[in-house]
Amino acid sequence: MRIALKPVPEQVMLITGASSGIGLATAELAARRGARVMLVARSREGLAHAVDRIAAAGGKAAFAVADVTRPGELARAADAAVERFGTIDTWVNCAGVAIYAKLLDTPEAEHRRLFDTNYFGMVEGCRVAVRHLRDKGGALITIGSIASDLPAPILSAYAASKHAVKAYVEALRQELAADGVPISVTLIKPAGIDTPIAQHAANHGAGALQGEALVPPPLYAPELVAEAICDAAAHRRRTITVGGAGRANVLIGVHFPQLIEWLAPLLMRGLFDPARPATPGDTLFRAGGTAETRSRHEHPRETSLYTLAQRHRLVAAGIGLAGAALAGAWARRRTA
């Protein structure tokens, strides 16, 4: 099965969750590179502001208001993209919400709503995307998380939803390949990213675990995820992890789970800032996009050599050779 992907400047890209955070950063980057972009989210105000900003920078963009949890709304957004731009070449599932709470303290309605958005909203996005891409091909990109591979206390429900996302996307890739459908299916797994998601989350911190919710450190810039998405739109990729520190955390969790369990109390406290009051920004049930890509008070890493290496074989080979050279030098010193 041959999958042909267009260069980003020749593409029409539809992005859900595009009124803030990673979705907005991706829309802005893709538009700067010449793609025509359809931004989809619940917040009309946030979307309109984002599209105005893209247009002011010379990009081509439009928006469609849609809630991924409501049947039919993503299909209508896709139809609007085709009506406006003629086609869809890349679909990006980026809509997501979070809850900061212990599992047994998570209200059932919120838990179900989170899965409705993060998992079932993604499922609906994939269904609509495949209908549009099945015959002509294209890229279907979904934002997972390193929480797809690792338990996350306090962000427990979020991690559970991302485990489900990973399983669905990987199984869908296999099924489409078996049917000869020419769609590139990619799962992007960001580490901690400096977006407003923590401020937008439902926050049930109490006692020693309270204050403004924080994204687990170390933080990376959302533009790094946007770069990975644009790369996957034009090149066939299975999985890209954004942030080497996040990948290291996963490896520690897989090989030394007892260590993670021992550190859990410390990790839980690190998800709240008691010096700042909790922000009443719960967007589980209401639109809250702010047309902001980042939080307002963090200083994320702007580069990730690990992520770059996944996209460029020569860089990866260079890192491997450098590592081998260092290991050889160390061995020679040991035997000298």
C-alpha atoms as a PDB file:
ATOM      1  CA  MET A   1       0.000   0.000   0.000  1.00  0.00           C
ATOM      2  CA  ARG A   2       1.461   3.314  -1.079  1.00  0.00           C
ATOM      3  CA  ILE A   3       0.588   6.397   0.944  1.00  0.00           C
ATOM      4  CA  ALA A   4       1.313   9.717  -0.757  1.00  0.00           C
ATOM      5  CA  LEU A   5       1.257  12.827   1.411  1.00  0.00           C
ATOM      6  CA  LYS A   6       1.343  16.353   0.050  1.00  0.00           C
ATOM      7  CA  PRO A   7       3.861  18.968   1.199  1.00  0.00           C
ATOM      8  CA  VAL A   8       2.378  21.148   3.947  1.00  0.00           C
ATOM      9  CA  PRO A   9       2.114  24.265   1.720  1.00  0.00           C
ATOM     10  CA  GLU A  10      -0.209  22.334  -0.614  1.00  0.00           C
ATOM     11  CA  GLN A  11      -2.480  20.994   2.115  1.00  0.00           C
ATOM     12  CA  VAL A  12      -5.815  21.711   3.695  1.00  0.00           C
ATOM     13  CA  MET A  13      -5.575  20.842   7.383  1.00  0.00           C
ATOM     14  CA  LEU A  14      -8.486  20.475   9.798  1.00  0.00           C
ATOM     15  CA  ILE A  15      -7.576  20.759  13.493  1.00  0.00           C
ATOM     16  CA  THR A  16      -9.893  20.131  16.431  1.00  0.00           C
ATOM     17  CA  GLY A  17      -9.227  21.806  19.767  1.00  0.00           C
ATOM     18  CA  ALA A  18      -7.775  24.702  17.783  1.00  0.00           C
ATOM     19  CA  SER A  19      -8.844  27.650  19.946  1.00  0.00           C
ATOM     20  CA  SER A  20      -5.856  27.336  22.315  1.00  0.00           C
ATOM     21  CA  GLY A  21      -2.768  25.341  23.219  1.00  0.00           C
ATOM     22  CA  ILE A  22      -1.281  22.760  20.861  1.00  0.00           C
ATOM     23  CA  GLY A  23      -4.167  22.985  18.386  1.00  0.00           C
ATOM     24  CA  LEU A  24      -3.756  26.725  17.972  1.00  0.00           C
ATOM     25  CA  ALA A  25       0.038  26.501  17.772  1.00  0.00           C
ATOM     26  CA  THR A  26      -0.344  23.919  15.007  1.00  0.00           C
ATOM     27  CA  ALA A  27      -2.845  26.029  13.082  1.00  0.00           C
ATOM     28  CA  GLU A  28      -0.550  29.037  13.237  1.00  0.00           C
ATOM     29  CA  LEU A  29       2.535  27.079  12.152  1.00  0.00           C
ATOM     30  CA  ALA A  30       0.753  25.273   9.320  1.00  0.00           C
ATOM     31  CA  ALA A  31      -0.707  28.560   8.055  1.00  0.00           C
ATOM     32  CA  ARG A  32       2.709  30.235   8.156  1.00  0.00           C
ATOM     33  CA  ARG A  33       4.000  27.404   5.991  1.00  0.00           C
ATOM     34  CA  GLY A  34       1.266  27.924   3.428  1.00  0.00           C
ATOM     35  CA  ALA A  35      -1.398  25.401   4.395  1.00  0.00           C
ATOM     36  CA  ARG A  36      -5.064  26.358   4.388  1.00  0.00           C
ATOM     37  CA  VAL A  37      -6.379  25.644   7.853  1.00  0.00           C
ATOM     38  CA  MET A  38      -9.831  24.931   9.279  1.00  0.00           C
ATOM     39  CA  LEU A  39      -9.873  25.561  13.028  1.00  0.00           C
ATOM     40  CA  VAL A  40     -12.508  23.631  15.001  1.00  0.00           C
ATOM     41  CA  ALA A  41     -13.446  24.087  18.669  1.00  0.00           C
ATOM     42  CA  ARG A  42     -16.363  25.046  20.930  1.00  0.00           C
ATOM     43  CA  SER A  43     -15.395  28.690  21.500  1.00  0.00           C
ATOM     44  CA  ARG A  44     -16.602  30.952  18.712  1.00  0.00           C
ATOM     45  CA  GLU A  45     -14.861  33.937  20.291  1.00  0.00           C
ATOM     46  CA  GLY A  46     -11.543  32.116  20.639  1.00  0.00           C
ATOM     47  CA  LEU A  47     -11.724  30.736  17.095  1.00  0.00           C
ATOM     48  CA  ALA A  48     -12.601  34.103  15.551  1.00  0.00           C
ATOM     49  CA  HIS A  49      -9.698  35.759  17.343  1.00  0.00           C
ATOM     50  CA  ALA A  50      -7.317  32.996  16.252  1.00  0.00           C
ATOM     51  CA  VAL A  51      -8.392  33.181  12.599  1.00  0.00           C
ATOM     52  CA  ASP A  52      -8.039  36.977  12.621  1.00  0.00           C
ATOM     53  CA  ARG A  53      -4.518  36.586  13.996  1.00  0.00           C
ATOM     54  CA  ILE A  54      -3.589  34.043  11.328  1.00  0.00           C
ATOM     55  CA  ALA A  55      -5.046  36.220   8.574  1.00  0.00           C
ATOM     56  CA  ALA A  56      -3.161  39.253   9.873  1.00  0.00           C
ATOM     57  CA  ALA A  57       0.058  37.266   9.518  1.00  0.00           C
ATOM     58  CA  GLY A  58      -0.797  36.418   5.898  1.00  0.00           C
ATOM     59  CA  GLY A  59      -2.218  32.948   6.439  1.00  0.00           C
ATOM     60  CA  LYS A  60      -5.394  31.372   5.086  1.00  0.00           C
ATOM     61  CA  ALA A  61      -7.777  30.062   7.728  1.00  0.00           C
ATOM     62  CA  ALA A  62     -11.430  29.638   8.578  1.00  0.00           C
ATOM     63  CA  PHE A  63     -13.247  28.213  11.566  1.00  0.00           C
ATOM     64  CA  ALA A  64     -16.194  25.999  12.426  1.00  0.00           C
ATOM     65  CA  VAL A  65     -17.754  25.837  15.877  1.00  0.00           C
ATOM     66  CA  ALA A  66     -18.180  22.212  16.961  1.00  0.00           C
ATOM     67  CA  ASP A  67     -18.231  20.166  20.147  1.00  0.00           C
ATOM     68  CA  VAL A  68     -16.552  16.797  19.544  1.00  0.00           C
ATOM     69  CA  THR A  69     -18.960  15.161  22.018  1.00  0.00           C
ATOM     70  CA  ARG A  70     -22.065  16.080  20.000  1.00  0.00           C
ATOM     71  CA  PRO A  71     -22.999  13.727  17.156  1.00  0.00           C
ATOM     72  CA  GLY A  72     -22.909  15.317  13.735  1.00  0.00           C
ATOM     73  CA  GLU A  73     -21.018  18.491  14.630  1.00  0.00           C
ATOM     74  CA  LEU A  74     -17.604  17.257  13.450  1.00  0.00           C
ATOM     75  CA  ALA A  75     -19.166  15.998  10.218  1.00  0.00           C
ATOM     76  CA  ARG A  76     -20.608  19.457   9.618  1.00  0.00           C
ATOM     77  CA  ALA A  77     -17.233  21.050  10.383  1.00  0.00           C
ATOM     78  CA  ALA A  78     -15.597  18.757   7.822  1.00  0.00           C
ATOM     79  CA  ASP A  79     -18.231  19.662   5.232  1.00  0.00           C
ATOM     80  CA  ALA A  80     -17.532  23.338   5.935  1.00  0.00           C
ATOM     81  CA  ALA A  81     -13.825  22.763   5.325  1.00  0.00           C
ATOM     82  CA  VAL A  82     -14.519  21.070   1.994  1.00  0.00           C
ATOM     83  CA  GLU A  83     -16.951  23.803   0.981  1.00  0.00           C
ATOM     84  CA  ARG A  84     -14.421  26.513   1.847  1.00  0.00           C
ATOM     85  CA  PHE A  85     -11.166  24.930   0.670  1.00  0.00           C
ATOM     86  CA  GLY A  86     -12.214  22.082  -1.635  1.00  0.00           C
ATOM     87  CA  THR A  87     -10.779  19.119   0.292  1.00  0.00           C
ATOM     88  CA  ILE A  88      -9.151  17.866   3.486  1.00  0.00           C
ATOM     89  CA  ASP A  89      -5.612  16.453   3.341  1.00  0.00           C
ATOM     90  CA  THR A  90      -4.736  16.185   7.044  1.00  0.00           C
ATOM     91  CA  TRP A  91      -7.010  15.728  10.035  1.00  0.00           C
ATOM     92  CA  VAL A  92      -5.643  16.495  13.517  1.00  0.00           C
ATOM     93  CA  ASN A  93      -7.477  15.259  16.624  1.00  0.00           C
ATOM     94  CA  CYS A  94      -6.338  17.703  19.295  1.00  0.00           C
ATOM     95  CA  ALA A  95      -9.418  18.444  21.415  1.00  0.00           C
ATOM     96  CA  GLY A  96      -8.879  17.495  25.043  1.00  0.00           C
ATOM     97  CA  VAL A  97      -9.740  18.308  28.648  1.00  0.00           C
ATOM     98  CA  ALA A  98      -8.261  17.382  32.020  1.00  0.00           C
ATOM     99  CA  ILE A  99      -9.268  16.770  35.617  1.00  0.00           C
ATOM    100  CA  TYR A 100      -6.982  17.224  38.619  1.00  0.00           C
ATOM    101  CA  ALA A 101      -8.335  14.876  41.270  1.00  0.00           C
ATOM    102  CA  LYS A 102      -7.728  11.540  42.955  1.00  0.00           C
ATOM    103  CA  LEU A 103      -9.647   8.809  41.159  1.00  0.00           C
ATOM    104  CA  LEU A 104     -11.974   8.083  44.067  1.00  0.00           C
ATOM    105  CA  ASP A 105     -12.697  11.808  44.438  1.00  0.00           C
ATOM    106  CA  THR A 106     -13.458  12.364  40.741  1.00  0.00           C
ATOM    107  CA  PRO A 107     -17.160  13.109  40.198  1.00  0.00           C
ATOM    108  CA  GLU A 108     -18.681  10.475  37.926  1.00  0.00           C
ATOM    109  CA  ALA A 109     -20.241  13.058  35.604  1.00  0.00           C
ATOM    110  CA  GLU A 110     -16.858  14.724  35.105  1.00  0.00           C
ATOM    111  CA  HIS A 111     -15.108  11.392  34.582  1.00  0.00           C
ATOM    112  CA  ARG A 112     -17.606  10.437  31.871  1.00  0.00           C
ATOM    113  CA  ARG A 113     -17.385  13.874  30.253  1.00  0.00           C
ATOM    114  CA  LEU A 114     -13.605  13.615  30.083  1.00  0.00           C
ATOM    115  CA  PHE A 115     -13.867  10.290  28.239  1.00  0.00           C
ATOM    116  CA  ASP A 116     -16.594  11.705  26.006  1.00  0.00           C
ATOM    117  CA  THR A 117     -14.146  14.401  24.912  1.00  0.00           C
ATOM    118  CA  ASN A 118     -10.698  12.799  24.991  1.00  0.00           C
ATOM    119  CA  TYR A 119     -11.674   9.320  23.799  1.00  0.00           C
ATOM    120  CA  PHE A 120     -15.087   9.255  22.149  1.00  0.00           C
ATOM    121  CA  GLY A 121     -14.549  12.703  20.603  1.00  0.00           C
ATOM    122  CA  MET A 122     -11.326  11.363  19.091  1.00  0.00           C
ATOM    123  CA  VAL A 123     -13.197   8.265  17.865  1.00  0.00           C
ATOM    124  CA  GLU A 124     -15.761  10.458  16.128  1.00  0.00           C
ATOM    125  CA  GLY A 125     -12.963  12.549  14.632  1.00  0.00           C
ATOM    126  CA  CYS A 126     -11.320   9.426  13.213  1.00  0.00           C
ATOM    127  CA  ARG A 127     -14.603   8.209  11.732  1.00  0.00           C
ATOM    128  CA  VAL A 128     -15.252  11.511   9.964  1.00  0.00           C
ATOM    129  CA  ALA A 129     -11.633  11.837   8.857  1.00  0.00           C
ATOM    130  CA  VAL A 130     -11.537   8.343   7.339  1.00  0.00           C
ATOM    131  CA  ARG A 131     -14.721   9.062   5.370  1.00  0.00           C
ATOM    132  CA  HIS A 132     -13.006  12.071   3.803  1.00  0.00           C
ATOM    133  CA  LEU A 133      -9.550  10.504   3.338  1.00  0.00           C
ATOM    134  CA  ARG A 134     -10.355   6.872   2.464  1.00  0.00           C
ATOM    135  CA  ASP A 135     -10.358   7.201  -1.322  1.00  0.00           C
ATOM    136  CA  LYS A 136      -7.683   9.830  -1.926  1.00  0.00           C
ATOM    137  CA  GLY A 137      -5.409   9.289   1.083  1.00  0.00           C
ATOM    138  CA  GLY A 138      -3.964  11.714   3.582  1.00  0.00           C
ATOM    139  CA  ALA A 139      -2.793  11.982   7.170  1.00  0.00           C
ATOM    140  CA  LEU A 140      -4.787  11.269  10.326  1.00  0.00           C
ATOM    141  CA  ILE A 141      -2.916  12.599  13.367  1.00  0.00           C
ATOM    142  CA  THR A 142      -4.039  12.227  16.965  1.00  0.00           C
ATOM    143  CA  ILE A 143      -2.601  13.878  20.055  1.00  0.00           C
ATOM    144  CA  GLY A 144      -2.026  11.352  22.794  1.00  0.00           C
ATOM    145  CA  SER A 145       0.395  11.912  25.651  1.00  0.00           C
ATOM    146  CA  ILE A 146       3.277  10.275  27.453  1.00  0.00           C
ATOM    147  CA  ALA A 147       0.413   9.513  29.860  1.00  0.00           C
ATOM    148  CA  SER A 148      -0.592   7.006  27.160  1.00  0.00           C
ATOM    149  CA  ASP A 149       2.283   4.874  28.500  1.00  0.00           C
ATOM    150  CA  LEU A 150       2.508   5.855  32.157  1.00  0.00           C
ATOM    151  CA  PRO A 151       0.155   6.090  35.152  1.00  0.00           C
ATOM    152  CA  ALA A 152      -0.252   9.631  36.425  1.00  0.00           C
ATOM    153  CA  PRO A 153      -1.597  10.175  39.967  1.00  0.00           C
ATOM    154  CA  ILE A 154      -4.006  13.136  40.253  1.00  0.00           C
ATOM    155  CA  LEU A 155      -4.153  13.266  36.440  1.00  0.00           C
ATOM    156  CA  SER A 156      -5.379   9.682  36.673  1.00  0.00           C
ATOM    157  CA  ALA A 157      -8.586   9.966  34.636  1.00  0.00           C
ATOM    158  CA  TYR A 158      -6.728  11.938  31.952  1.00  0.00           C
ATOM    159  CA  ALA A 159      -4.033   9.237  31.785  1.00  0.00           C
ATOM    160  CA  ALA A 160      -6.675   6.521  31.522  1.00  0.00           C
ATOM    161  CA  SER A 161      -8.288   8.311  28.580  1.00  0.00           C
ATOM    162  CA  LYS A 162      -4.926   8.651  26.836  1.00  0.00           C
ATOM    163  CA  HIS A 163      -4.224   4.939  27.323  1.00  0.00           C
ATOM    164  CA  ALA A 164      -7.516   4.313  25.514  1.00  0.00           C
ATOM    165  CA  VAL A 165      -6.579   6.774  22.754  1.00  0.00           C
ATOM    166  CA  LYS A 166      -3.303   4.962  22.129  1.00  0.00           C
ATOM    167  CA  ALA A 167      -4.992   1.572  21.903  1.00  0.00           C
ATOM    168  CA  TYR A 168      -7.637   2.863  19.484  1.00  0.00           C
ATOM    169  CA  VAL A 169      -5.197   4.667  17.189  1.00  0.00           C
ATOM    170  CA  GLU A 170      -2.786   1.740  16.950  1.00  0.00           C
ATOM    171  CA  ALA A 171      -5.593  -0.741  16.254  1.00  0.00           C
ATOM    172  CA  LEU A 172      -7.133   1.602  13.666  1.00  0.00           C
ATOM    173  CA  ARG A 173      -3.781   1.849  11.887  1.00  0.00           C
ATOM    174  CA  GLN A 174      -3.614  -1.930  11.613  1.00  0.00           C
ATOM    175  CA  GLU A 175      -7.174  -2.245  10.355  1.00  0.00           C
ATOM    176  CA  LEU A 176      -6.789   0.468   7.727  1.00  0.00           C
ATOM    177  CA  ALA A 177      -3.538  -1.083   6.525  1.00  0.00           C
ATOM    178  CA  ALA A 178      -5.206  -4.497   6.274  1.00  0.00           C
ATOM    179  CA  ASP A 179      -7.956  -2.934   4.143  1.00  0.00           C
ATOM    180  CA  GLY A 180      -5.438  -1.149   1.920  1.00  0.00           C
ATOM    181  CA  VAL A 181      -6.687   2.308   2.896  1.00  0.00           C
ATOM    182  CA  PRO A 182      -3.985   4.881   2.003  1.00  0.00           C
ATOM    183  CA  ILE A 183      -4.127   6.910   5.227  1.00  0.00           C
ATOM    184  CA  SER A 184      -1.045   7.630   7.343  1.00  0.00           C
ATOM    185  CA  VAL A 185      -2.109   7.198  11.002  1.00  0.00           C
ATOM    186  CA  THR A 186       0.113   8.945  13.543  1.00  0.00           C
ATOM    187  CA  LEU A 187       0.023   9.161  17.332  1.00  0.00           C
ATOM    188  CA  ILE A 188       1.839  12.161  18.825  1.00  0.00           C
ATOM    189  CA  LYS A 189       2.792  11.719  22.497  1.00  0.00           C
ATOM    190  CA  PRO A 190       3.795  15.025  24.092  1.00  0.00           C
ATOM    191  CA  ALA A 191       5.548  15.269  27.432  1.00  0.00           C
ATOM    192  CA  GLY A 192       4.583  18.182  29.681  1.00  0.00           C
ATOM    193  CA  ILE A 193       3.702  21.060  27.346  1.00  0.00           C
ATOM    194  CA  ASP A 194       3.289  24.685  28.375  1.00  0.00           C
ATOM    195  CA  THR A 195      -0.341  25.224  27.371  1.00  0.00           C
ATOM    196  CA  PRO A 196      -3.338  26.615  29.301  1.00  0.00           C
ATOM    197  CA  ILE A 197      -4.782  23.093  29.840  1.00  0.00           C
ATOM    198  CA  ALA A 198      -4.052  23.086  33.580  1.00  0.00           C
ATOM    199  CA  GLN A 199      -5.793  26.432  34.063  1.00  0.00           C
ATOM    200  CA  HIS A 200      -8.728  25.162  31.986  1.00  0.00           C
ATOM    201  CA  ALA A 201      -9.001  21.886  33.928  1.00  0.00           C
ATOM    202  CA  ALA A 202     -11.434  20.854  36.647  1.00  0.00           C
ATOM    203  CA  ASN A 203      -9.433  21.209  39.868  1.00  0.00           C
ATOM    204  CA  HIS A 204     -10.387  19.151  42.919  1.00  0.00           C
ATOM    205  CA  GLY A 205      -7.193  19.618  44.876  1.00  0.00           C
ATOM    206  CA  ALA A 206      -7.677  19.622  48.643  1.00  0.00           C
ATOM    207  CA  GLY A 207      -5.626  19.689  51.810  1.00  0.00           C
ATOM    208  CA  ALA A 208      -1.912  19.608  51.018  1.00  0.00           C
ATOM    209  CA  LEU A 209      -2.772  19.155  47.329  1.00  0.00           C
ATOM    210  CA  GLN A 210      -4.357  22.450  46.411  1.00  0.00           C
ATOM    211  CA  GLY A 211      -3.669  25.680  44.590  1.00  0.00           C
ATOM    212  CA  GLU A 212      -3.380  26.379  40.883  1.00  0.00           C
ATOM    213  CA  ALA A 213      -3.027  23.216  38.803  1.00  0.00           C
ATOM    214  CA  LEU A 214       0.266  22.755  36.973  1.00  0.00           C
ATOM    215  CA  VAL A 215       1.363  20.750  33.944  1.00  0.00           C
ATOM    216  CA  PRO A 216       3.883  18.104  35.071  1.00  0.00           C
ATOM    217  CA  PRO A 217       7.435  19.387  34.520  1.00  0.00           C
ATOM    218  CA  PRO A 218       9.765  19.620  32.713  1.00  0.00           C
ATOM    219  CA  LEU A 219       7.802  21.699  30.241  1.00  0.00           C
ATOM    220  CA  TYR A 220       8.313  22.018  26.502  1.00  0.00           C
ATOM    221  CA  ALA A 221       7.003  24.689  24.146  1.00  0.00           C
ATOM    222  CA  PRO A 222       3.770  23.831  22.266  1.00  0.00           C
ATOM    223  CA  GLU A 223       5.464  24.837  19.027  1.00  0.00           C
ATOM    224  CA  LEU A 224       7.581  21.651  19.298  1.00  0.00           C
ATOM    225  CA  VAL A 225       4.401  19.585  19.125  1.00  0.00           C
ATOM    226  CA  ALA A 226       3.187  21.722  16.220  1.00  0.00           C
ATOM    227  CA  GLU A 227       6.449  20.962  14.392  1.00  0.00           C
ATOM    228  CA  ALA A 228       5.940  17.243  14.963  1.00  0.00           C
ATOM    229  CA  ILE A 229       2.362  17.449  13.662  1.00  0.00           C
ATOM    230  CA  CYS A 230       3.382  19.314  10.514  1.00  0.00           C
ATOM    231  CA  ASP A 231       6.137  16.768   9.961  1.00  0.00           C
ATOM    232  CA  ALA A 232       3.638  13.895  10.287  1.00  0.00           C
ATOM    233  CA  ALA A 233       1.276  15.665   7.884  1.00  0.00           C
ATOM    234  CA  ALA A 234       3.888  15.455   5.128  1.00  0.00           C
ATOM    235  CA  HIS A 235       5.845  12.308   6.083  1.00  0.00           C
ATOM    236  CA  ARG A 236       4.539   8.917   7.122  1.00  0.00           C
ATOM    237  CA  ARG A 237       5.148   8.517  10.875  1.00  0.00           C
ATOM    238  CA  ARG A 238       3.756   5.969  13.300  1.00  0.00           C
ATOM    239  CA  THR A 239       4.523   7.620  16.629  1.00  0.00           C
ATOM    240  CA  ILE A 240       6.408  10.728  17.705  1.00  0.00           C
ATOM    241  CA  THR A 241       7.194  11.467  21.338  1.00  0.00           C
ATOM    242  CA  VAL A 242       7.767  15.173  21.953  1.00  0.00           C
ATOM    243  CA  GLY A 243      10.239  15.826  24.751  1.00  0.00           C
ATOM    244  CA  GLY A 244      13.155  13.587  25.677  1.00  0.00           C
ATOM    245  CA  ALA A 245      12.516  14.043  29.395  1.00  0.00           C
ATOM    246  CA  GLY A 246       9.026  12.638  28.931  1.00  0.00           C
ATOM    247  CA  ARG A 247      10.400   9.594  27.146  1.00  0.00           C
ATOM    248  CA  ALA A 248      12.873   9.095  29.996  1.00  0.00           C
ATOM    249  CA  ASN A 249       9.989   9.211  32.492  1.00  0.00           C
ATOM    250  CA  VAL A 250       8.182   6.496  30.548  1.00  0.00           C
ATOM    251  CA  LEU A 251      11.254   4.258  30.502  1.00  0.00           C
ATOM    252  CA  ILE A 252      11.698   4.700  34.259  1.00  0.00           C
ATOM    253  CA  GLY A 253       8.047   3.915  34.822  1.00  0.00           C
ATOM    254  CA  VAL A 254       8.192   0.788  32.660  1.00  0.00           C
ATOM    255  CA  HIS A 255      11.396  -0.615  34.124  1.00  0.00           C
ATOM    256  CA  PHE A 256      11.219   0.713  37.695  1.00  0.00           C
ATOM    257  CA  PRO A 257       7.517   0.965  38.587  1.00  0.00           C
ATOM    258  CA  GLN A 258       8.248   0.688  42.312  1.00  0.00           C
ATOM    259  CA  LEU A 259      10.345   3.842  42.090  1.00  0.00           C
ATOM    260  CA  ILE A 260       7.450   5.764  40.540  1.00  0.00           C
ATOM    261  CA  GLU A 261       5.117   4.487  43.251  1.00  0.00           C
ATOM    262  CA  TRP A 262       7.596   5.547  45.934  1.00  0.00           C
ATOM    263  CA  LEU A 263       7.852   9.005  44.390  1.00  0.00           C
ATOM    264  CA  ALA A 264       4.072   9.354  43.930  1.00  0.00           C
ATOM    265  CA  PRO A 265       3.463  11.636  46.965  1.00  0.00           C
ATOM    266  CA  LEU A 266       6.144  14.032  45.737  1.00  0.00           C
ATOM    267  CA  LEU A 267       4.848  13.885  42.166  1.00  0.00           C
ATOM    268  CA  MET A 268       1.318  14.643  43.355  1.00  0.00           C
ATOM    269  CA  ARG A 269       2.387  17.724  45.303  1.00  0.00           C
ATOM    270  CA  GLY A 270       4.255  18.967  42.236  1.00  0.00           C
ATOM    271  CA  LEU A 271       0.980  19.242  40.301  1.00  0.00           C
ATOM    272  CA  PHE A 272      -0.271  22.185  42.377  1.00  0.00           C
ATOM    273  CA  ASP A 273       1.107  25.609  43.242  1.00  0.00           C
ATOM    274  CA  PRO A 274      -0.156  26.509  46.733  1.00  0.00           C
ATOM    275  CA  ALA A 275       1.110  30.079  46.273  1.00  0.00           C
ATOM    276  CA  ARG A 276      -1.524  30.707  43.596  1.00  0.00           C
ATOM    277  CA  PRO A 277      -5.266  30.208  44.063  1.00  0.00           C
ATOM    278  CA  ALA A 278      -6.969  27.583  41.949  1.00  0.00           C
ATOM    279  CA  THR A 279      -8.267  29.112  38.724  1.00  0.00           C
ATOM    280  CA  PRO A 280     -12.013  28.656  38.090  1.00  0.00           C
ATOM    281  CA  GLY A 281     -11.422  27.664  34.466  1.00  0.00           C
ATOM    282  CA  ASP A 282     -13.229  24.337  34.235  1.00  0.00           C
ATOM    283  CA  THR A 283     -13.878  23.713  30.521  1.00  0.00           C
ATOM    284  CA  LEU A 284     -15.252  20.185  30.827  1.00  0.00           C
ATOM    285  CA  PHE A 285     -18.814  21.301  30.128  1.00  0.00           C
ATOM    286  CA  ARG A 286     -18.374  24.753  28.621  1.00  0.00           C
ATOM    287  CA  ALA A 287     -16.287  26.436  25.956  1.00  0.00           C
ATOM    288  CA  GLY A 288     -13.238  28.198  27.285  1.00  0.00           C
ATOM    289  CA  GLY A 289     -10.746  28.673  24.469  1.00  0.00           C
ATOM    290  CA  THR A 290      -8.713  31.831  24.945  1.00  0.00           C
ATOM    291  CA  ALA A 291      -6.692  31.966  21.697  1.00  0.00           C
ATOM    292  CA  GLU A 292      -3.546  31.471  23.786  1.00  0.00           C
ATOM    293  CA  THR A 293      -0.964  28.827  22.980  1.00  0.00           C
ATOM    294  CA  ARG A 294       0.879  28.972  26.316  1.00  0.00           C
ATOM    295  CA  SER A 295       0.250  29.495  29.995  1.00  0.00           C
ATOM    296  CA  ARG A 296       1.190  32.906  31.288  1.00  0.00           C
ATOM    297  CA  HIS A 297       3.918  32.189  33.807  1.00  0.00           C
ATOM    298  CA  GLU A 298       6.040  29.204  32.789  1.00  0.00           C
ATOM    299  CA  HIS A 299       9.366  29.070  30.939  1.00  0.00           C
ATOM    300  CA  PRO A 300       9.341  25.936  28.759  1.00  0.00           C
ATOM    301  CA  ARG A 301      12.178  24.320  26.874  1.00  0.00           C
ATOM    302  CA  GLU A 302      12.187  25.534  23.293  1.00  0.00           C
ATOM    303  CA  THR A 303      14.117  22.582  21.836  1.00  0.00           C
ATOM    304  CA  SER A 304      14.155  18.788  22.089  1.00  0.00           C
ATOM    305  CA  LEU A 305      17.030  16.931  20.473  1.00  0.00           C
ATOM    306  CA  TYR A 306      15.244  13.631  21.121  1.00  0.00           C
ATOM    307  CA  THR A 307      12.175  14.759  19.180  1.00  0.00           C
ATOM    308  CA  LEU A 308      14.332  16.102  16.356  1.00  0.00           C
ATOM    309  CA  ALA A 309      16.151  12.779  16.149  1.00  0.00           C
ATOM    310  CA  GLN A 310      12.877  10.869  15.650  1.00  0.00           C
ATOM    311  CA  ARG A 311      12.108  12.969  12.575  1.00  0.00           C
ATOM    312  CA  HIS A 312      15.587  13.045  11.027  1.00  0.00           C
ATOM    313  CA  ARG A 313      17.487   9.810  10.561  1.00  0.00           C
ATOM    314  CA  LEU A 314      20.805  11.557  10.036  1.00  0.00           C
ATOM    315  CA  VAL A 315      20.472  13.335  13.379  1.00  0.00           C
ATOM    316  CA  ALA A 316      19.548  10.064  15.066  1.00  0.00           C
ATOM    317  CA  ALA A 317      22.517   8.346  13.446  1.00  0.00           C
ATOM    318  CA  GLY A 318      24.797  11.167  14.565  1.00  0.00           C
ATOM    319  CA  ILE A 319      23.570  10.888  18.139  1.00  0.00           C
ATOM    320  CA  GLY A 320      24.098   7.119  18.017  1.00  0.00           C
ATOM    321  CA  LEU A 321      27.629   7.462  16.659  1.00  0.00           C
ATOM    322  CA  ALA A 322      28.465  10.096  19.252  1.00  0.00           C
ATOM    323  CA  GLY A 323      27.137   7.831  21.987  1.00  0.00           C
ATOM    324  CA  ALA A 324      29.128   4.903  20.654  1.00  0.00           C
ATOM    325  CA  ALA A 325      32.281   7.020  20.495  1.00  0.00           C
ATOM    326  CA  LEU A 326      31.833   8.157  24.091  1.00  0.00           C
ATOM    327  CA  ALA A 327      31.179   4.598  25.221  1.00  0.00           C
ATOM    328  CA  GLY A 328      34.292   3.415  23.387  1.00  0.00           C
ATOM    329  CA  ALA A 329      36.432   6.137  24.918  1.00  0.00           C
ATOM    330  CA  TRP A 330      35.131   5.268  28.373  1.00  0.00           C
ATOM    331  CA  ALA A 331      35.859   1.569  27.804  1.00  0.00           C
ATOM    332  CA  ARG A 332      39.414   2.321  26.649  1.00  0.00           C
ATOM    333  CA  ARG A 333      40.033   4.393  29.777  1.00  0.00           C
ATOM    334  CA  ARG A 334      38.739   1.548  31.932  1.00  0.00           C
ATOM    335  CA  THR A 335      41.129  -0.964  30.312  1.00  0.00           C
ATOM    336  CA  ALA A 336      44.135   1.383  30.109  1.00  0.00           C
END
